């Protein structure tokens, strides 16, 4: 059982997930600081000195801090934007690699064939030379 657990934990997917969570938590702290310490004060100056963190409304005996919610929404938008840009960049790199590795296909059965082949190994048709 210990051996199975060790194999499970040391698999690439589990380790990648753990690393992603750790980096994500650190990144979230950076973005939260960016929003709370830089963007919200700037937005406050633009809107006439409003302190978003202190914005609240009292409903009966409950206090609703909608300013903190605005900060959380800005955090989410920034994190989503950065993740989107990262994924877009990674996809661009992978697309370039796929384009570089252009695969030759049989003109009859459309299966992949070796670029030096003269006959298709799947349908045995004679391949046209390019």
C-alpha atoms as a PDB file:
ATOM      1  CA  UNK A   1       0.000   0.000   0.000  1.00  0.00           C
ATOM      2  CA  UNK A   2       2.839   2.408   0.819  1.00  0.00           C
ATOM      3  CA  UNK A   3       4.429   1.674  -2.557  1.00  0.00           C
ATOM      4  CA  UNK A   4       1.166   2.447  -4.394  1.00  0.00           C
ATOM      5  CA  UNK A   5       0.744   5.679  -2.440  1.00  0.00           C
ATOM      6  CA  UNK A   6       4.316   6.695  -3.221  1.00  0.00           C
ATOM      7  CA  UNK A   7       3.793   6.001  -6.951  1.00  0.00           C
ATOM      8  CA  UNK A   8       0.541   7.994  -6.904  1.00  0.00           C
ATOM      9  CA  UNK A   9       2.091  11.008  -5.190  1.00  0.00           C
ATOM     10  CA  UNK A  10       5.163  11.035  -7.387  1.00  0.00           C
ATOM     11  CA  UNK A  11       3.217  10.802 -10.666  1.00  0.00           C
ATOM     12  CA  UNK A  12       3.662  13.797 -12.913  1.00  0.00           C
ATOM     13  CA  UNK A  13       0.006  14.861 -12.731  1.00  0.00           C
ATOM     14  CA  UNK A  14      -0.131  14.988  -8.940  1.00  0.00           C
ATOM     15  CA  UNK A  15       3.187  16.813  -8.651  1.00  0.00           C
ATOM     16  CA  UNK A  16       2.188  19.271 -11.391  1.00  0.00           C
ATOM     17  CA  UNK A  17      -1.092  19.942  -9.626  1.00  0.00           C
ATOM     18  CA  UNK A  18       0.658  20.526  -6.295  1.00  0.00           C
ATOM     19  CA  UNK A  19       3.155  22.902  -7.885  1.00  0.00           C
ATOM     20  CA  UNK A  20       0.333  24.712  -9.682  1.00  0.00           C
ATOM     21  CA  UNK A  21      -1.601  25.187  -6.442  1.00  0.00           C
ATOM     22  CA  UNK A  22       1.461  26.523  -4.606  1.00  0.00           C
ATOM     23  CA  UNK A  23       2.346  28.947  -7.399  1.00  0.00           C
ATOM     24  CA  UNK A  24      -1.323  29.925  -7.731  1.00  0.00           C
ATOM     25  CA  UNK A  25      -1.532  30.776  -4.043  1.00  0.00           C
ATOM     26  CA  UNK A  26       1.612  32.900  -4.254  1.00  0.00           C
ATOM     27  CA  UNK A  27       0.343  34.577  -7.417  1.00  0.00           C
ATOM     28  CA  UNK A  28      -3.016  35.283  -5.778  1.00  0.00           C
ATOM     29  CA  UNK A  29      -1.232  37.061  -2.930  1.00  0.00           C
ATOM     30  CA  UNK A  30       0.626  39.243  -5.446  1.00  0.00           C
ATOM     31  CA  UNK A  31      -2.526  40.117  -7.381  1.00  0.00           C
ATOM     32  CA  UNK A  32      -4.450  40.805  -4.168  1.00  0.00           C
ATOM     33  CA  UNK A  33      -1.714  43.200  -3.077  1.00  0.00           C
ATOM     34  CA  UNK A  34      -1.750  44.849  -6.511  1.00  0.00           C
ATOM     35  CA  UNK A  35      -5.504  45.369  -6.309  1.00  0.00           C
ATOM     36  CA  UNK A  36      -5.731  46.369  -2.634  1.00  0.00           C
ATOM     37  CA  UNK A  37      -2.573  48.499  -2.412  1.00  0.00           C
ATOM     38  CA  UNK A  38      -2.354  50.058  -5.884  1.00  0.00           C
ATOM     39  CA  UNK A  39      -5.492  49.813  -8.013  1.00  0.00           C
ATOM     40  CA  UNK A  40      -8.201  50.433  -5.406  1.00  0.00           C
ATOM     41  CA  UNK A  41      -6.485  53.623  -4.090  1.00  0.00           C
ATOM     42  CA  UNK A  42      -6.064  54.882  -7.677  1.00  0.00           C
ATOM     43  CA  UNK A  43      -9.720  54.118  -8.442  1.00  0.00           C
ATOM     44  CA  UNK A  44     -10.589  55.850  -5.176  1.00  0.00           C
ATOM     45  CA  UNK A  45      -8.668  58.978  -6.254  1.00  0.00           C
ATOM     46  CA  UNK A  46     -10.432  58.954  -9.628  1.00  0.00           C
ATOM     47  CA  UNK A  47     -13.828  58.613  -7.958  1.00  0.00           C
ATOM     48  CA  UNK A  48     -13.201  61.431  -5.495  1.00  0.00           C
ATOM     49  CA  UNK A  49     -11.359  59.751  -2.621  1.00  0.00           C
ATOM     50  CA  UNK A  50     -13.749  56.862  -2.040  1.00  0.00           C
ATOM     51  CA  UNK A  51     -12.209  54.122   0.104  1.00  0.00           C
ATOM     52  CA  UNK A  52     -13.583  50.962  -1.483  1.00  0.00           C
ATOM     53  CA  UNK A  53     -12.583  48.725   1.434  1.00  0.00           C
ATOM     54  CA  UNK A  54     -14.784  50.785   3.750  1.00  0.00           C
ATOM     55  CA  UNK A  55     -17.835  50.873   1.482  1.00  0.00           C
ATOM     56  CA  UNK A  56     -20.711  49.159   3.185  1.00  0.00           C
ATOM     57  CA  UNK A  57     -24.425  49.294   3.714  1.00  0.00           C
ATOM     58  CA  UNK A  58     -26.280  48.396   6.890  1.00  0.00           C
ATOM     59  CA  UNK A  59     -29.434  46.339   6.433  1.00  0.00           C
ATOM     60  CA  UNK A  60     -31.123  45.788   9.774  1.00  0.00           C
ATOM     61  CA  UNK A  61     -28.436  44.344  12.028  1.00  0.00           C
ATOM     62  CA  UNK A  62     -26.281  43.096   9.110  1.00  0.00           C
ATOM     63  CA  UNK A  63     -23.440  45.072   7.555  1.00  0.00           C
ATOM     64  CA  UNK A  64     -22.753  44.306   3.904  1.00  0.00           C
ATOM     65  CA  UNK A  65     -19.235  45.284   2.779  1.00  0.00           C
ATOM     66  CA  UNK A  66     -19.752  45.646  -0.953  1.00  0.00           C
ATOM     67  CA  UNK A  67     -16.427  47.478  -1.288  1.00  0.00           C
ATOM     68  CA  UNK A  68     -14.577  44.292  -0.360  1.00  0.00           C
ATOM     69  CA  UNK A  69     -16.671  42.502  -2.984  1.00  0.00           C
ATOM     70  CA  UNK A  70     -15.594  45.041  -5.617  1.00  0.00           C
ATOM     71  CA  UNK A  71     -11.959  44.341  -4.692  1.00  0.00           C
ATOM     72  CA  UNK A  72     -12.545  40.580  -4.991  1.00  0.00           C
ATOM     73  CA  UNK A  73     -14.137  41.040  -8.431  1.00  0.00           C
ATOM     74  CA  UNK A  74     -11.139  43.083  -9.594  1.00  0.00           C
ATOM     75  CA  UNK A  75      -8.829  40.348  -8.198  1.00  0.00           C
ATOM     76  CA  UNK A  76     -10.735  37.708 -10.145  1.00  0.00           C
ATOM     77  CA  UNK A  77     -10.669  39.688 -13.394  1.00  0.00           C
ATOM     78  CA  UNK A  78      -6.921  40.290 -13.139  1.00  0.00           C
ATOM     79  CA  UNK A  79      -6.130  36.662 -12.293  1.00  0.00           C
ATOM     80  CA  UNK A  80      -8.378  35.433 -15.106  1.00  0.00           C
ATOM     81  CA  UNK A  81      -6.705  37.863 -17.536  1.00  0.00           C
ATOM     82  CA  UNK A  82      -3.207  36.704 -16.607  1.00  0.00           C
ATOM     83  CA  UNK A  83      -4.182  33.023 -16.818  1.00  0.00           C
ATOM     84  CA  UNK A  84      -5.822  33.677 -20.211  1.00  0.00           C
ATOM     85  CA  UNK A  85      -2.674  35.389 -21.512  1.00  0.00           C
ATOM     86  CA  UNK A  86      -0.479  32.562 -20.212  1.00  0.00           C
ATOM     87  CA  UNK A  87      -2.640  29.862 -21.829  1.00  0.00           C
ATOM     88  CA  UNK A  88      -2.779  31.844 -25.061  1.00  0.00           C
ATOM     89  CA  UNK A  89       1.023  32.123 -25.095  1.00  0.00           C
ATOM     90  CA  UNK A  90       1.494  28.429 -24.343  1.00  0.00           C
ATOM     91  CA  UNK A  91      -0.973  27.477 -27.092  1.00  0.00           C
ATOM     92  CA  UNK A  92       0.898  29.701 -29.532  1.00  0.00           C
ATOM     93  CA  UNK A  93       4.162  27.892 -28.751  1.00  0.00           C
ATOM     94  CA  UNK A  94       2.522  24.470 -29.195  1.00  0.00           C
ATOM     95  CA  UNK A  95       0.902  25.550 -32.464  1.00  0.00           C
ATOM     96  CA  UNK A  96       4.291  26.607 -33.807  1.00  0.00           C
ATOM     97  CA  UNK A  97       5.745  23.210 -32.889  1.00  0.00           C
ATOM     98  CA  UNK A  98       2.855  21.447 -34.647  1.00  0.00           C
ATOM     99  CA  UNK A  99       3.321  23.581 -37.752  1.00  0.00           C
ATOM    100  CA  UNK A 100       7.042  22.778 -37.789  1.00  0.00           C
ATOM    101  CA  UNK A 101       6.276  19.071 -37.599  1.00  0.00           C
ATOM    102  CA  UNK A 102       4.051  18.986 -40.668  1.00  0.00           C
ATOM    103  CA  UNK A 103       2.958  15.426 -41.321  1.00  0.00           C
ATOM    104  CA  UNK A 104       2.711  13.879 -44.781  1.00  0.00           C
ATOM    105  CA  UNK A 105      -0.596  12.159 -45.455  1.00  0.00           C
ATOM    106  CA  UNK A 106      -1.696   9.727 -48.113  1.00  0.00           C
ATOM    107  CA  UNK A 107      -3.801  11.455 -50.754  1.00  0.00           C
ATOM    108  CA  UNK A 108      -6.141   8.444 -50.942  1.00  0.00           C
ATOM    109  CA  UNK A 109      -6.753   7.208 -47.380  1.00  0.00           C
ATOM    110  CA  UNK A 110      -5.485  10.347 -45.541  1.00  0.00           C
ATOM    111  CA  UNK A 111      -3.413   8.292 -43.080  1.00  0.00           C
ATOM    112  CA  UNK A 112      -0.015   9.539 -41.930  1.00  0.00           C
ATOM    113  CA  UNK A 113       2.905   8.167 -43.930  1.00  0.00           C
ATOM    114  CA  UNK A 114       6.656   8.514 -43.667  1.00  0.00           C
ATOM    115  CA  UNK A 115       7.960  11.385 -45.747  1.00  0.00           C
ATOM    116  CA  UNK A 116      10.340   9.054 -47.627  1.00  0.00           C
ATOM    117  CA  UNK A 117       7.687   6.427 -48.433  1.00  0.00           C
ATOM    118  CA  UNK A 118       6.720   5.780 -52.052  1.00  0.00           C
ATOM    119  CA  UNK A 119       3.684   3.625 -51.154  1.00  0.00           C
ATOM    120  CA  UNK A 120       1.133   4.073 -48.406  1.00  0.00           C
ATOM    121  CA  UNK A 121       1.517   1.347 -45.752  1.00  0.00           C
ATOM    122  CA  UNK A 122      -2.245   1.508 -45.063  1.00  0.00           C
ATOM    123  CA  UNK A 123      -3.861   1.336 -48.502  1.00  0.00           C
ATOM    124  CA  UNK A 124      -0.745   0.441 -50.590  1.00  0.00           C
ATOM    125  CA  UNK A 125      -1.446   3.180 -53.124  1.00  0.00           C
ATOM    126  CA  UNK A 126       1.441   4.825 -54.931  1.00  0.00           C
ATOM    127  CA  UNK A 127       2.188   8.175 -53.335  1.00  0.00           C
ATOM    128  CA  UNK A 128       2.695  11.292 -55.355  1.00  0.00           C
ATOM    129  CA  UNK A 129       6.056  12.971 -54.893  1.00  0.00           C
ATOM    130  CA  UNK A 130       5.927  16.521 -53.690  1.00  0.00           C
END
